[in-house]
Protein backbone atom coordinates (compact mmCIF):
# COMPACT_ATOMS: atom_id res chain seq x y z
CA UNK A 1 23.85 -9.18 -0.97
CA UNK A 2 26.89 -8.37 -3.11
CA UNK A 3 29.23 -10.18 -0.80
CA UNK A 4 27.04 -13.20 -0.86
CA UNK A 5 27.07 -13.27 -4.68
CA UNK A 6 30.64 -13.10 -4.92
CA UNK A 7 31.16 -15.64 -2.45
CA UNK A 8 29.11 -17.82 -4.55
CA UNK A 9 31.23 -17.19 -7.43
CA UNK A 10 34.25 -18.02 -5.55
CA UNK A 11 32.97 -21.22 -4.56
CA UNK A 12 31.73 -22.07 -8.10
CA UNK A 13 28.08 -22.02 -7.24
CA UNK A 14 27.47 -19.18 -9.69
CA UNK A 15 29.01 -18.45 -13.11
CA UNK A 16 30.20 -15.00 -13.83
CA UNK A 17 27.33 -14.49 -16.21
CA UNK A 18 24.71 -15.42 -13.63
CA UNK A 19 26.63 -13.24 -10.91
CA UNK A 20 26.33 -10.19 -13.51
CA UNK A 21 22.71 -10.64 -13.96
CA UNK A 22 22.06 -10.76 -10.41
CA UNK A 23 24.11 -7.73 -9.66
CA UNK A 24 22.39 -5.68 -12.38
CA UNK A 25 20.49 -2.81 -10.86
CA UNK A 26 17.60 -3.10 -13.14
CA UNK A 27 16.12 -5.66 -15.83
CA UNK A 28 15.14 -4.29 -19.09
CA UNK A 29 12.42 -5.99 -20.80
CA UNK A 30 12.10 -3.39 -23.59
CA UNK A 31 8.97 -1.89 -22.46
CA UNK A 32 10.07 -1.47 -18.88
CA UNK A 33 13.20 -1.45 -16.66
CA UNK A 34 12.22 -3.22 -13.38
CA UNK A 35 14.21 -1.69 -10.65
CA UNK A 36 15.29 -4.74 -8.70
CA UNK A 37 17.57 -3.00 -6.25
CA UNK A 38 14.77 -0.81 -5.01
CA UNK A 39 14.09 -3.24 -1.98
CA UNK A 40 17.79 -2.84 -0.95
CA UNK A 41 17.51 0.88 -1.10
CA UNK A 42 14.26 1.50 0.11
CA UNK A 43 13.02 -1.62 1.82
CA UNK A 44 10.36 -2.14 -0.61
CA UNK A 45 10.23 -3.62 -4.07
CA UNK A 46 8.93 -2.11 -6.99
CA UNK A 47 5.27 -1.53 -7.02
CA UNK A 48 3.10 -2.08 -10.32
CA UNK A 49 0.68 0.54 -11.22
CA UNK A 50 -1.68 -1.11 -13.56
CA UNK A 51 -3.54 1.42 -15.44
CA UNK A 52 -2.39 1.94 -18.78
CA UNK A 53 -0.48 -1.51 -18.90
CA UNK A 54 -1.65 -4.49 -20.75
CA UNK A 55 -2.33 -7.72 -18.99
CA UNK A 56 0.78 -9.18 -20.71
CA UNK A 57 2.95 -6.34 -19.59
CA UNK A 58 1.95 -6.81 -16.02
CA UNK A 59 2.33 -10.47 -16.06
CA UNK A 60 5.96 -10.07 -17.31
CA UNK A 61 6.62 -7.80 -14.43
CA UNK A 62 4.96 -10.09 -11.92
CA UNK A 63 7.00 -13.12 -13.16
CA UNK A 64 10.31 -11.21 -12.78
CA UNK A 65 9.64 -9.93 -9.24
CA UNK A 66 8.41 -13.54 -8.21
CA UNK A 67 11.55 -15.20 -9.63
CA UNK A 68 13.66 -12.83 -7.25
CA UNK A 69 11.44 -13.59 -4.26
CA UNK A 70 9.96 -10.23 -3.95
CA UNK A 71 6.59 -9.28 -2.68
CA UNK A 72 4.36 -8.49 -5.55
CA UNK A 73 1.63 -5.73 -5.65
CA UNK A 74 -0.26 -4.39 -8.44
CA UNK A 75 -2.75 -1.60 -8.19
CA UNK A 76 -5.59 -0.33 -10.33
CA UNK A 77 -6.09 -3.70 -12.03
CA UNK A 78 -9.37 -4.41 -13.80
CA UNK A 79 -11.39 -7.74 -13.32
CA UNK A 80 -10.63 -8.50 -16.79
CA UNK A 81 -7.08 -8.01 -16.59
CA UNK A 82 -6.86 -9.95 -13.25
CA UNK A 83 -8.49 -13.09 -14.78
CA UNK A 84 -5.97 -13.29 -17.45
CA UNK A 85 -2.95 -12.68 -15.21
CA UNK A 86 -4.45 -15.43 -12.64
CA UNK A 87 -4.70 -17.87 -15.24
CA UNK A 88 -0.87 -17.97 -15.52
CA UNK A 89 0.18 -17.22 -11.91
CA UNK A 90 -2.94 -18.71 -9.85
CA UNK A 91 -1.06 -17.96 -6.30
CA UNK A 92 -1.58 -14.31 -6.57
CA UNK A 93 -4.67 -12.78 -4.72
CA UNK A 94 -7.23 -10.49 -6.50
CA UNK A 95 -9.21 -8.11 -4.20
CA UNK A 96 -12.06 -6.84 -6.46
CA UNK A 97 -12.98 -4.01 -4.18
CA UNK A 98 -9.43 -2.76 -4.04
CA UNK A 99 -8.52 -3.67 -7.75
CA UNK A 100 -5.17 -5.09 -6.49
CA UNK A 101 -3.24 -8.17 -7.25
CA UNK A 102 -0.93 -9.30 -4.47
CA UNK A 103 1.62 -12.05 -3.27
CA UNK A 104 3.09 -12.00 0.01
CA UNK A 105 6.58 -13.26 0.18
CA UNK A 106 7.59 -12.79 3.90
CA UNK A 107 6.14 -13.30 7.37
CA UNK A 108 4.10 -10.20 8.60
CA UNK A 109 5.44 -8.23 11.42
CA UNK A 110 4.61 -9.35 14.83
CA UNK A 111 4.34 -6.06 16.68
CA UNK A 112 1.82 -3.25 16.17
CA UNK A 113 -0.60 -2.48 13.37
CA UNK A 114 -2.12 0.33 11.17
CA UNK A 115 -5.82 1.36 11.50
CA UNK A 116 -7.50 1.97 8.33
CA UNK A 117 -10.37 4.20 9.13
CA UNK A 118 -13.10 4.56 6.44
CA UNK A 119 -15.88 7.17 6.44
CA UNK A 120 -18.53 5.38 4.34
CA UNK A 121 -19.06 2.18 2.20
CA UNK A 122 -18.62 4.19 -1.04
CA UNK A 123 -14.93 4.94 0.11
CA UNK A 124 -14.10 1.36 0.58
CA UNK A 125 -12.24 0.85 -2.81
CA UNK A 126 -9.66 3.41 -1.63
CA UNK A 127 -9.46 2.17 1.84
CA UNK A 128 -9.06 -1.41 0.66
CA UNK A 129 -6.28 -0.35 -1.57
CA UNK A 130 -4.56 0.93 1.50
CA UNK A 131 -5.17 -2.19 3.54
CA UNK A 132 -4.02 -4.45 0.93
CA UNK A 133 -0.69 -2.50 0.23
CA UNK A 134 0.12 -2.40 3.92
CA UNK A 135 -0.62 -6.15 4.40
CA UNK A 136 1.43 -6.98 1.31
CA UNK A 137 4.36 -4.87 2.66
CA UNK A 138 4.24 -6.97 5.71
CA UNK A 139 2.28 -4.77 8.37
CA UNK A 140 -0.93 -5.76 10.01
CA UNK A 141 -4.00 -3.81 9.63
CA UNK A 142 -7.23 -3.52 11.42
CA UNK A 143 -10.26 -2.07 9.40
CA UNK A 144 -12.58 0.41 10.76
CA UNK A 145 -15.10 1.02 8.11
CA UNK A 146 -18.47 3.01 7.96
CA UNK A 147 -17.56 5.33 10.79
CA UNK A 148 -18.10 8.71 9.27
CA UNK A 149 -19.12 12.04 10.67
CA UNK A 150 -22.95 11.39 9.96
CA UNK A 151 -22.93 9.07 13.09
CA UNK A 152 -19.86 9.63 15.37
CA UNK A 153 -20.96 7.21 17.75
CA UNK A 154 -19.94 4.50 15.32
CA UNK A 155 -16.19 5.93 15.49
CA UNK A 156 -16.31 6.24 19.32
CA UNK A 157 -17.32 2.49 19.73
CA UNK A 158 -13.71 1.68 18.22
CA UNK A 159 -11.85 4.68 19.38
CA UNK A 160 -9.71 2.64 21.95
CA UNK A 161 -8.64 0.21 19.32
CA UNK A 162 -7.63 2.88 16.77
CA UNK A 163 -5.71 4.76 19.59
CA UNK A 164 -3.41 1.68 20.13
CA UNK A 165 -2.43 1.69 16.44
CA UNK A 166 0.85 3.04 15.38
CA UNK A 167 -0.59 5.05 12.71
CA UNK A 168 -3.90 5.63 11.09
CA UNK A 169 -4.93 5.79 7.37
CA UNK A 170 -8.25 7.81 7.36
CA UNK A 171 -10.27 7.69 4.08
CA UNK A 172 -12.99 9.94 3.35
CA UNK A 173 -15.00 11.82 0.53
CA UNK A 174 -18.03 14.14 0.58
CA UNK A 175 -16.57 17.07 2.83
CA UNK A 176 -13.74 15.20 4.05
CA UNK A 177 -14.27 15.83 7.77
CA UNK A 178 -13.53 12.45 9.24
CA UNK A 179 -9.60 13.08 9.60
CA UNK A 180 -10.07 16.27 11.64
CA UNK A 181 -12.40 14.63 14.01
CA UNK A 182 -10.06 11.65 14.49
CA UNK A 183 -7.05 13.87 14.66
CA UNK A 184 -8.59 15.34 17.89
CA UNK A 185 -8.93 11.72 19.39
CA UNK A 186 -5.87 10.06 19.00
CA UNK A 187 -2.14 10.73 19.54
CA UNK A 188 -0.77 8.53 16.54
CA UNK A 189 0.07 10.09 13.21
CA UNK A 190 -2.96 10.35 10.88
CA UNK A 191 -2.58 10.04 7.06
CA UNK A 192 -5.68 11.37 5.24
CA UNK A 193 -6.91 10.24 2.01
CA UNK A 194 -9.52 12.37 0.23
CA UNK A 195 -11.63 10.34 -2.27
CA UNK A 196 -13.50 11.27 -5.28
CA UNK A 197 -16.99 10.44 -3.75
CA UNK A 198 -19.49 13.07 -3.57
CA UNK A 199 -21.98 15.45 -5.31
CA UNK A 200 -21.11 18.16 -7.69
CA UNK A 201 -19.61 20.67 -5.22
CA UNK A 202 -17.32 17.86 -4.22
CA UNK A 203 -15.35 18.47 -7.66
CA UNK A 204 -14.40 14.73 -7.59
CA UNK A 205 -12.50 14.84 -4.49
CA UNK A 206 -11.15 18.48 -4.66
CA UNK A 207 -13.34 19.90 -1.71
CA UNK A 208 -12.25 16.89 0.60
CA UNK A 209 -8.65 17.37 -0.29
CA UNK A 210 -8.98 21.18 0.55
CA UNK A 211 -10.65 20.44 3.74
CA UNK A 212 -8.18 17.99 4.98
CA UNK A 213 -5.32 20.34 3.81
CA UNK A 214 -6.85 22.98 6.09
CA UNK A 215 -7.74 20.73 8.95
CA UNK A 216 -6.99 22.43 12.36
CA UNK A 217 -6.19 19.09 13.99
CA UNK A 218 -2.25 18.70 14.53
CA UNK A 219 -0.84 15.47 13.14
CA UNK A 220 -2.74 15.13 9.93
CA UNK A 221 -0.89 14.72 6.61
CA UNK A 222 -2.74 14.38 3.42
CA UNK A 223 -1.96 12.46 0.24
CA UNK A 224 -3.68 12.93 -3.19
CA UNK A 225 -7.33 12.12 -4.07
CA UNK A 226 -7.82 8.34 -4.14
CA UNK A 227 -4.28 7.40 -3.24
CA UNK A 228 -4.85 4.71 -0.81
CA UNK A 229 -1.63 3.14 -1.93
CA UNK A 230 0.47 6.26 -1.26
CA UNK A 231 -1.20 6.68 2.23
CA UNK A 232 -0.39 2.94 3.15
CA UNK A 233 3.21 3.11 1.92
CA UNK A 234 3.87 6.14 4.11
CA UNK A 235 2.04 4.60 7.02
CA UNK A 236 4.30 1.13 6.43
CA UNK A 237 7.42 3.30 6.85
CA UNK A 238 6.16 4.96 10.06
CA UNK A 239 5.26 1.41 11.37
CA UNK A 240 8.73 0.17 10.73
CA UNK A 241 10.45 3.24 12.38
CA UNK A 242 8.34 2.45 15.39
CA UNK A 243 9.44 -0.87 15.70
CA UNK A 244 12.96 -0.67 14.51
CA UNK A 245 15.26 -2.98 16.23
CA UNK A 246 12.13 -5.09 17.19
CA UNK A 247 11.19 -8.43 15.94
CA UNK A 248 9.98 -8.10 12.29
C-alpha cells in the first residue's frame, strides 16, 4: 500500500498532502482516533462498539471507514440509534436481534463456513451478533438454532453439517452444557459463548461461564459472557488459517 501511494505521487495522481493523509496511521476526530491501519496489521478493520457512543459519533466513524473502502461493523446498536444513522447512510444493514449495523465491502470467502450453534431462542441476540460479525468479515455461516440439551435429538439432526464446518461458535445460557456435548461429537474447534440468560442461580451468565471453563470436552475455548462478537472474530481467524493460500 505504501508503495502504491508513493507511485501515485510520483505520477502526479496524488498531492503530497493527500499522500500524507492516506499514510497516516490513524484519523483524529477529537472524540476518537480511528485506526485505519488495523486492517493492514490484522486483516480486519476497526470495529465500532456502540454502547456509550452517541449516534452522531458512530455516524462519523462509519463515514470515515466507508470512505476508505472498509467493511463496517457496529455492535450493540439500539433501534433508536440505528434509525438516526440509517437516515444518513441507508446502505447499511441493521439486524435488530443482533443489534448490529453492518456494511460488507468485499466478496465472501468461497470455501468453508462457520457453524453458529445456539441452545435456545432466548440466546439468539448473542448468536446473531456472532453470525453477523463473521458474515461482515467475509466468512459464510450456517445457523443451527434451538438445539440445546433439553432436546438433544434436535442437535443430532444437524450434526453432520456441523461436523463439516471449519469451526463452531456454540452459544448457551442456563447451565451452559451445550458446548461440552458438542465437543464430544465434532473434531473442529469450538468457541463457547456463555449468555446471561437464566434464572437467579445462573448469576447473569456466571454459572454458564464456569461450566464452560470446566468442560471435560477437549477443543472447547471460552469467551466472555454475551460476547458473540469476540467468539466470531476468533472463528474468522481460524477459518482464514484453514484456507490460507486458497481462494478467498
